[in-house]
């Protein structure tokens, strides 16, 4: 009985404190304390999202572009509450999928809403090789009729969200196992309570789909992506050609934005700028050594074109296949020079890298200057870059205010 009373009091405290988090436009400091219990992607979504509708946070297309091309928001975000009328007006201006382009997100700018589940889907697209586009489409096309309808899309998105959260929690398990919150003269709070809190908070903030598939369409507010794919009435169906074009356009648009941010209107970016872009979002602490190494070994700047830039990131999206090819060289005790590297890229991915681009990559990562590539180090760094830093993301440990709130609720009963 005593245990039951303690549990009841504790979860009542969680409920009271969690309610603070739902007032997203009024009390942001309490919500920020929940960083400790969120996955890295949830944290990033919350930092860049700027809209709130019926208790849910949403990104604009502009927010999404900022989230995948910048380390932090350009300015502190203030969540703006949308009315039903404002949301409907935004959706009315959403173009159909056949009018999509590699400037779609830039053209929509602030006139769009992207849910957390869609954010995960879009992140997945950015790292998907072209060969995987068909596989992705077939996963959505559950009835095998070569078309994807709105319900199929929503159901698989929810499955994808749950799988992603499960994977992130598993990868973070050891860190969470070490999390024990202790206060002076008080008992330790069992970790299972905090796991329960994190899950319930995540669901309150980001769960935009119903649990039952039959009710999934009716329970979800339409978003820009849903209207873009399935029309304003939700009755249109998505074919593979339009799906492929959307995925390819999104990859191109993000790469164009990153490239243009360094090119200053020119047709090329410098080799040093290319190195800066590659080393962003990675766990490399001393990037200056890589940059200095490249400056010394490429004294005359030739520049990297957008086609070269794009081809390299298409290769990165095939990094797993390339890793297998590199392991074959390693098993044969063969050194990896530029010719071997270029051949392995083509054989594994079908992407042809220019000799200048391959030379630039070697000059960046060949730290010991023996014209050979340490492929293990290279692949480790590139995996971080491909995942835009989420593998090594370190959440800010801020929980004092929220912990105090829970303590206060518990001991006031």
Protein backbone atom coordinates (compact mmCIF):
# COMPACT_ATOMS: atom_id res chain seq x y z
CA UNK A 1 0.00 0.00 0.00
CA UNK A 2 2.81 2.40 0.92
CA UNK A 3 4.55 1.70 -2.37
CA UNK A 4 1.34 2.31 -4.28
CA UNK A 5 0.87 5.68 -2.55
CA UNK A 6 4.48 6.70 -3.35
CA UNK A 7 4.04 5.71 -7.00
CA UNK A 8 0.73 7.56 -7.21
CA UNK A 9 2.28 10.69 -5.70
CA UNK A 10 5.30 10.46 -7.97
CA UNK A 11 3.33 10.18 -11.21
CA UNK A 12 1.02 12.96 -10.04
CA UNK A 13 4.16 15.08 -9.66
CA UNK A 14 5.28 14.10 -13.15
CA UNK A 15 1.90 15.07 -14.55
CA UNK A 16 1.94 18.47 -12.88
CA UNK A 17 5.48 19.21 -14.03
CA UNK A 18 4.84 17.89 -17.55
CA UNK A 19 1.89 20.25 -17.90
CA UNK A 20 4.38 23.10 -17.68
CA UNK A 21 6.06 21.79 -20.82
CA UNK A 22 2.88 22.02 -22.90
CA UNK A 23 2.65 25.79 -22.41
CA UNK A 24 5.20 26.19 -25.14
CA UNK A 25 4.69 29.88 -25.72
CA UNK A 26 4.53 30.89 -22.07
CA UNK A 27 7.16 29.01 -20.09
CA UNK A 28 10.09 27.97 -22.25
CA UNK A 29 12.60 27.54 -19.41
CA UNK A 30 10.72 24.55 -17.99
CA UNK A 31 10.63 22.91 -21.42
CA UNK A 32 14.34 23.41 -21.92
CA UNK A 33 14.99 21.42 -18.74
CA UNK A 34 13.56 18.39 -20.54
CA UNK A 35 16.59 18.25 -22.89
CA UNK A 36 18.02 15.63 -20.57
CA UNK A 37 15.21 13.20 -21.33
CA UNK A 38 14.92 13.79 -25.10
CA UNK A 39 16.75 12.03 -27.89
CA UNK A 40 19.26 14.13 -29.88
CA UNK A 41 16.83 14.54 -32.76
CA UNK A 42 14.03 15.60 -30.42
CA UNK A 43 16.32 18.18 -28.89
CA UNK A 44 17.32 19.57 -32.24
CA UNK A 45 13.74 19.65 -33.50
CA UNK A 46 12.66 21.59 -30.41
CA UNK A 47 15.49 24.11 -30.78
CA UNK A 48 14.69 24.93 -34.40
CA UNK A 49 10.87 24.59 -34.41
CA UNK A 50 9.06 27.93 -34.45
CA UNK A 51 5.35 27.02 -34.64
CA UNK A 52 2.81 25.49 -32.25
CA UNK A 53 -0.64 24.21 -33.15
CA UNK A 54 -3.00 22.46 -30.73
CA UNK A 55 -0.18 21.54 -28.33
CA UNK A 56 2.19 20.22 -31.03
CA UNK A 57 5.45 21.81 -32.17
CA UNK A 58 6.11 22.23 -35.88
CA UNK A 59 8.93 23.45 -38.09
CA UNK A 60 8.53 25.69 -41.09
CA UNK A 61 10.42 24.72 -44.27
CA UNK A 62 12.84 27.52 -43.38
CA UNK A 63 13.34 26.01 -39.91
CA UNK A 64 14.13 22.62 -41.45
CA UNK A 65 16.73 24.07 -43.82
CA UNK A 66 18.32 25.91 -40.91
CA UNK A 67 18.36 22.73 -38.80
CA UNK A 68 20.30 20.74 -41.41
CA UNK A 69 22.69 23.47 -42.52
CA UNK A 70 23.51 25.31 -39.27
CA UNK A 71 24.84 24.29 -35.89
CA UNK A 72 22.41 26.50 -33.97
CA UNK A 73 19.39 28.71 -34.83
CA UNK A 74 20.41 32.14 -36.07
CA UNK A 75 18.35 33.71 -33.34
CA UNK A 76 16.44 32.53 -30.27
CA UNK A 77 13.22 30.87 -31.35
CA UNK A 78 9.88 32.01 -29.97
CA UNK A 79 7.16 29.49 -30.66
CA UNK A 80 4.26 31.16 -32.44
CA UNK A 81 0.79 29.67 -31.98
CA UNK A 82 -1.11 29.11 -35.23
CA UNK A 83 -4.86 29.45 -35.43
CA UNK A 84 -6.88 26.97 -37.48
CA UNK A 85 -7.54 29.71 -40.02
CA UNK A 86 -3.82 30.51 -40.36
CA UNK A 87 -2.97 26.83 -40.83
CA UNK A 88 -5.65 26.40 -43.49
CA UNK A 89 -4.34 29.44 -45.36
CA UNK A 90 -0.79 28.02 -45.32
CA UNK A 91 -2.00 24.66 -46.64
CA UNK A 92 -4.08 26.31 -49.36
CA UNK A 93 -0.87 27.79 -50.80
CA UNK A 94 1.00 24.46 -50.85
CA UNK A 95 1.88 23.39 -54.43
CA UNK A 96 1.10 19.84 -55.67
CA UNK A 97 3.92 17.31 -55.92
CA UNK A 98 4.14 17.56 -59.71
CA UNK A 99 5.11 21.23 -59.29
CA UNK A 100 7.98 20.39 -56.97
CA UNK A 101 11.52 21.62 -57.59
CA UNK A 102 14.93 21.82 -55.96
CA UNK A 103 13.84 25.20 -54.57
CA UNK A 104 10.61 23.98 -52.94
CA UNK A 105 11.65 24.57 -49.31
CA UNK A 106 13.24 27.92 -50.12
CA UNK A 107 10.14 29.05 -52.01
CA UNK A 108 7.81 27.98 -49.19
CA UNK A 109 10.11 29.60 -46.62
CA UNK A 110 7.92 30.33 -43.54
CA UNK A 111 4.69 29.23 -45.24
CA UNK A 112 4.60 25.61 -44.25
CA UNK A 113 4.33 23.22 -41.30
CA UNK A 114 6.50 20.11 -40.75
CA UNK A 115 5.77 17.69 -37.89
CA UNK A 116 8.43 15.89 -35.88
CA UNK A 117 7.67 12.58 -37.61
CA UNK A 118 8.09 14.27 -41.01
CA UNK A 119 11.34 15.81 -39.79
CA UNK A 120 12.68 12.29 -39.16
CA UNK A 121 11.48 11.19 -42.60
CA UNK A 122 13.17 14.15 -44.30
CA UNK A 123 16.43 13.50 -42.43
CA UNK A 124 16.31 9.93 -43.69
CA UNK A 125 15.91 11.17 -47.26
CA UNK A 126 19.05 13.29 -46.99
CA UNK A 127 21.20 10.21 -46.33
CA UNK A 128 19.42 7.80 -48.69
CA UNK A 129 21.37 6.65 -51.80
CA UNK A 130 19.51 6.91 -55.11
CA UNK A 131 19.48 3.12 -55.34
CA UNK A 132 17.49 3.10 -52.09
CA UNK A 133 14.69 5.37 -53.38
CA UNK A 134 12.81 2.40 -54.87
CA UNK A 135 13.18 0.41 -51.65
CA UNK A 136 11.83 3.34 -49.65
CA UNK A 137 8.86 3.69 -52.00
CA UNK A 138 8.06 -0.03 -51.87
CA UNK A 139 8.11 0.12 -48.06
CA UNK A 140 5.37 2.76 -48.16
CA UNK A 141 3.44 0.90 -50.89
CA UNK A 142 2.08 -1.79 -48.56
CA UNK A 143 -0.58 -3.10 -50.96
CA UNK A 144 1.87 -3.32 -53.88
CA UNK A 145 -0.22 -1.32 -56.38
CA UNK A 146 2.72 0.97 -57.35
CA UNK A 147 0.97 3.91 -55.67
CA UNK A 148 1.19 5.27 -52.12
CA UNK A 149 -1.92 6.72 -50.52
CA UNK A 150 -2.12 8.99 -47.49
CA UNK A 151 -2.96 6.23 -45.02
CA UNK A 152 -0.04 4.03 -46.11
CA UNK A 153 2.30 6.98 -45.78
CA UNK A 154 1.14 7.88 -42.27
CA UNK A 155 1.26 4.33 -40.92
CA UNK A 156 4.83 3.74 -42.08
CA UNK A 157 5.92 7.16 -40.84
CA UNK A 158 4.72 6.24 -37.36
CA UNK A 159 6.53 2.90 -37.50
CA UNK A 160 9.66 4.71 -38.65
CA UNK A 161 9.39 7.21 -35.79
CA UNK A 162 9.11 4.47 -33.19
CA UNK A 163 12.02 2.52 -34.68
CA UNK A 164 14.16 5.65 -34.73
CA UNK A 165 13.41 6.50 -31.10
CA UNK A 166 14.08 2.89 -30.05
CA UNK A 167 17.44 2.95 -31.84
CA UNK A 168 18.45 6.26 -30.27
CA UNK A 169 17.45 5.08 -26.80
CA UNK A 170 19.41 1.87 -27.26
CA UNK A 171 22.50 3.80 -28.36
CA UNK A 172 22.13 6.08 -25.36
CA UNK A 173 21.43 3.25 -22.89
CA UNK A 174 24.82 3.28 -21.21
CA UNK A 175 24.72 7.04 -20.69
CA UNK A 176 21.24 6.89 -19.21
CA UNK A 177 22.19 3.98 -16.99
CA UNK A 178 24.74 6.26 -15.34
CA UNK A 179 22.11 8.94 -14.75
CA UNK A 180 21.17 9.04 -11.08
CA UNK A 181 19.73 12.22 -9.66
CA UNK A 182 20.63 12.74 -6.00
CA UNK A 183 19.90 15.57 -3.61
CA UNK A 184 21.18 16.27 -0.10
CA UNK A 185 19.63 13.97 2.50
CA UNK A 186 17.20 12.47 -0.03
CA UNK A 187 16.83 9.01 -1.52
CA UNK A 188 17.93 8.29 -5.07
CA UNK A 189 15.20 8.58 -7.69
CA UNK A 190 14.97 5.29 -9.62
CA UNK A 191 16.08 5.66 -13.26
CA UNK A 192 12.92 3.91 -14.48
CA UNK A 193 10.91 6.93 -13.30
CA UNK A 194 13.00 9.26 -15.41
CA UNK A 195 12.71 6.95 -18.43
CA UNK A 196 8.95 7.01 -17.97
CA UNK A 197 9.05 10.79 -17.75
CA UNK A 198 11.10 11.09 -20.93
CA UNK A 199 8.75 8.85 -22.87
CA UNK A 200 5.61 10.61 -21.68
CA UNK A 201 7.09 14.04 -22.34
CA UNK A 202 8.18 13.02 -25.84
CA UNK A 203 4.72 11.71 -26.59
CA UNK A 204 3.07 14.88 -25.30
CA UNK A 205 5.31 17.10 -27.41
CA UNK A 206 5.82 15.16 -30.61
CA UNK A 207 3.28 12.38 -31.04
CA UNK A 208 1.30 13.51 -34.09
CA UNK A 209 -0.22 10.18 -35.09
CA UNK A 210 -2.90 8.08 -33.45
CA UNK A 211 -2.13 4.56 -32.25
CA UNK A 212 -4.96 2.96 -34.20
CA UNK A 213 -4.44 2.74 -37.95
CA UNK A 214 -8.20 3.12 -38.61
CA UNK A 215 -8.22 6.52 -36.97
CA UNK A 216 -4.82 7.66 -38.17
CA UNK A 217 -5.96 10.06 -40.90
CA UNK A 218 -8.78 11.66 -38.95
CA UNK A 219 -6.70 12.24 -35.82
CA UNK A 220 -3.84 14.09 -37.52
CA UNK A 221 -3.75 17.71 -38.60
CA UNK A 222 -2.75 18.11 -42.22
CA UNK A 223 0.75 19.37 -42.89
CA UNK A 224 2.52 20.89 -45.87
CA UNK A 225 4.09 17.57 -46.80
CA UNK A 226 0.77 15.69 -46.68
CA UNK A 227 -0.95 18.29 -48.86
CA UNK A 228 2.03 18.37 -51.24
CA UNK A 229 1.90 14.58 -51.68
CA UNK A 230 -1.82 13.83 -51.44
CA UNK A 231 -3.64 17.04 -52.29
CA UNK A 232 -5.83 19.32 -50.23
CA UNK A 233 -8.52 16.64 -49.86
CA UNK A 234 -6.02 13.87 -49.14
CA UNK A 235 -7.39 11.68 -51.93
CA UNK A 236 -4.50 11.87 -54.41
CA UNK A 237 -1.95 9.06 -54.64
CA UNK A 238 1.82 9.28 -54.97
CA UNK A 239 3.63 7.42 -57.78
CA UNK A 240 7.29 6.42 -57.78
CA UNK A 241 8.39 9.05 -60.30
CA UNK A 242 7.06 11.91 -58.17
CA UNK A 243 8.44 10.30 -55.00
CA UNK A 244 11.89 9.89 -56.58
CA UNK A 245 11.87 13.47 -57.85
CA UNK A 246 10.91 14.82 -54.41
CA UNK A 247 13.75 12.92 -52.69
CA UNK A 248 16.30 13.92 -55.32
CA UNK A 249 15.17 17.55 -55.23
CA UNK A 250 15.45 17.71 -51.44
CA UNK A 251 18.99 16.32 -51.47
CA UNK A 252 19.95 18.78 -54.21
CA UNK A 253 18.34 21.74 -52.44
CA UNK A 254 20.18 21.19 -49.15
CA UNK A 255 23.50 20.73 -50.99
CA UNK A 256 22.87 23.87 -53.06
CA UNK A 257 22.23 25.88 -49.90
CA UNK A 258 25.43 24.62 -48.26
CA UNK A 259 27.44 25.23 -51.43
CA UNK A 260 26.04 28.73 -52.01
CA UNK A 261 26.75 29.73 -48.42
CA UNK A 262 30.47 29.43 -49.26
CA UNK A 263 30.62 30.26 -52.99
CA UNK A 264 29.59 33.94 -52.67
CA UNK A 265 28.00 33.86 -56.10
CA UNK A 266 30.93 32.09 -57.78
CA UNK A 267 30.75 28.78 -59.65
CA UNK A 268 33.22 27.11 -57.29
CA UNK A 269 34.14 26.96 -53.62
CA UNK A 270 37.72 26.80 -52.40
CA UNK A 271 39.31 23.52 -51.36
CA UNK A 272 39.55 24.91 -47.83
CA UNK A 273 35.83 25.68 -47.76
CA UNK A 274 35.17 22.15 -48.98
CA UNK A 275 37.24 20.84 -46.07
CA UNK A 276 35.30 23.04 -43.63
CA UNK A 277 32.01 21.60 -44.93
CA UNK A 278 33.27 18.01 -44.65
CA UNK A 279 34.45 18.47 -41.08
CA UNK A 280 31.24 20.11 -39.86
CA UNK A 281 29.07 18.05 -37.49
CA UNK A 282 31.94 15.64 -36.83
CA UNK A 283 33.73 14.70 -33.63
CA UNK A 284 37.07 15.99 -34.94
CA UNK A 285 38.35 18.25 -32.17
CA UNK A 286 41.44 19.64 -33.89
CA UNK A 287 40.21 20.53 -37.37
CA UNK A 288 43.05 23.02 -37.79
CA UNK A 289 45.55 20.20 -38.38
CA UNK A 290 43.49 18.90 -41.30
CA UNK A 291 43.06 22.40 -42.74
CA UNK A 292 46.74 23.29 -42.36
CA UNK A 293 47.73 19.99 -43.96
CA UNK A 294 45.56 20.78 -46.98
CA UNK A 295 46.82 24.38 -47.30
CA UNK A 296 50.43 23.21 -47.43
CA UNK A 297 49.74 20.52 -50.00
CA UNK A 298 47.38 22.45 -52.31
CA UNK A 299 49.15 25.81 -52.58
CA UNK A 300 47.28 26.85 -55.75
CA UNK A 301 43.53 27.04 -55.46
CA UNK A 302 41.60 25.45 -58.32
CA UNK A 303 38.18 25.25 -56.71
CA UNK A 304 35.45 22.63 -56.33
CA UNK A 305 32.43 22.87 -58.66
CA UNK A 306 28.89 22.12 -57.53
CA UNK A 307 28.82 18.97 -59.68
CA UNK A 308 31.95 17.72 -57.89
CA UNK A 309 30.49 18.74 -54.54
CA UNK A 310 27.23 16.92 -55.22
CA UNK A 311 28.96 13.78 -56.52
CA UNK A 312 30.96 13.52 -53.29
CA UNK A 313 27.85 13.65 -51.11
CA UNK A 314 26.12 11.11 -53.36
CA UNK A 315 29.10 8.91 -52.62
CA UNK A 316 28.71 9.54 -48.88
CA UNK A 317 25.13 8.31 -49.07
CA UNK A 318 26.60 4.99 -50.27
CA UNK A 319 29.22 4.88 -47.52
CA UNK A 320 28.28 1.42 -46.25
CA UNK A 321 28.92 -0.22 -49.65
CA UNK A 322 32.18 1.70 -49.99
CA UNK A 323 33.25 0.47 -46.52
CA UNK A 324 32.90 -3.13 -47.70
CA UNK A 325 35.06 -2.39 -50.74
CA UNK A 326 37.70 -0.78 -48.54
CA UNK A 327 37.74 -3.79 -46.24
CA UNK A 328 38.60 -5.98 -49.22
CA UNK A 329 41.73 -3.90 -49.81
CA UNK A 330 42.55 -4.15 -46.12
CA UNK A 331 42.17 -7.94 -46.09
CA UNK A 332 44.52 -8.16 -49.06
CA UNK A 333 47.03 -5.94 -47.21
CA UNK A 334 46.94 -3.48 -50.11
CA UNK A 335 47.59 0.21 -49.55
CA UNK A 336 44.88 2.64 -50.55
CA UNK A 337 46.12 5.27 -52.95
CA UNK A 338 44.09 7.70 -55.04
CA UNK A 339 43.54 5.26 -57.93
CA UNK A 340 42.35 2.53 -55.58
CA UNK A 341 40.10 4.97 -53.76
CA UNK A 342 38.51 6.24 -56.98
CA UNK A 343 37.99 2.72 -58.30
CA UNK A 344 36.45 1.53 -55.00
CA UNK A 345 34.03 4.48 -55.03
CA UNK A 346 32.90 3.69 -58.57
CA UNK A 347 32.61 -0.08 -58.07
CA UNK A 348 30.71 0.24 -54.79
CA UNK A 349 28.49 3.22 -55.56
CA UNK A 350 28.50 3.88 -59.31
CA UNK A 351 29.64 7.46 -58.63
CA UNK A 352 32.59 8.84 -60.58
CA UNK A 353 34.68 11.33 -58.63
CA UNK A 354 36.93 13.73 -60.53
CA UNK A 355 40.71 13.34 -60.10
CA UNK A 356 40.89 16.83 -58.56
CA UNK A 357 38.21 16.00 -56.00
CA UNK A 358 39.92 12.74 -55.02
CA UNK A 359 43.25 14.54 -54.72
CA UNK A 360 41.65 17.18 -52.49
CA UNK A 361 40.15 14.50 -50.21
CA UNK A 362 43.54 12.83 -49.89
CA UNK A 363 45.27 16.10 -49.11
CA UNK A 364 42.74 16.72 -46.31
CA UNK A 365 42.83 13.29 -44.68
CA UNK A 366 46.34 12.02 -45.50
CA UNK A 367 47.77 13.52 -42.30
CA UNK A 368 51.03 11.54 -42.35
CA UNK A 369 51.60 12.62 -45.99
CA UNK A 370 52.42 9.21 -47.45
CA UNK A 371 49.80 9.52 -50.23
CA UNK A 372 47.80 6.71 -48.62
CA UNK A 373 44.43 7.03 -46.91
CA UNK A 374 43.68 5.76 -43.44
CA UNK A 375 40.27 4.49 -44.48
CA UNK A 376 39.10 3.64 -40.93
CA UNK A 377 39.65 7.21 -39.74
CA UNK A 378 38.19 8.62 -42.96
CA UNK A 379 35.05 6.47 -42.75
CA UNK A 380 34.57 7.25 -39.04
CA UNK A 381 34.68 10.99 -39.70
CA UNK A 382 32.44 10.74 -42.76
CA UNK A 383 29.81 8.74 -40.87
CA UNK A 384 29.55 11.63 -38.42
CA UNK A 385 29.24 14.06 -41.33
CA UNK A 386 26.63 11.91 -43.05
CA UNK A 387 24.53 11.80 -39.87
CA UNK A 388 25.06 15.53 -39.33
CA UNK A 389 26.61 14.99 -35.93
CA UNK A 390 23.78 13.07 -34.27
CA UNK A 391 26.03 10.07 -33.52
CA UNK A 392 28.22 12.21 -31.33
CA UNK A 393 25.72 14.80 -30.19
CA UNK A 394 26.11 15.70 -26.54
CA UNK A 395 22.93 17.02 -24.93
CA UNK A 396 23.15 19.93 -22.55
CA UNK A 397 22.83 18.67 -18.98
CA UNK A 398 20.22 21.05 -17.62
CA UNK A 399 17.72 19.53 -15.23
CA UNK A 400 17.94 21.45 -11.96
CA UNK A 401 14.71 23.41 -12.36
CA UNK A 402 12.65 20.43 -13.45
CA UNK A 403 14.13 18.23 -10.73
CA UNK A 404 13.23 20.88 -8.15
CA UNK A 405 9.70 20.94 -9.48
CA UNK A 406 9.32 17.16 -9.07
CA UNK A 407 10.83 17.30 -5.55
CA UNK A 408 8.49 20.09 -4.58
CA UNK A 409 5.45 18.18 -5.82
CA UNK A 410 6.54 14.98 -4.08
CA UNK A 411 7.32 16.48 -0.70
CA UNK A 412 4.33 18.80 -0.59
CA UNK A 413 1.93 15.83 -0.55
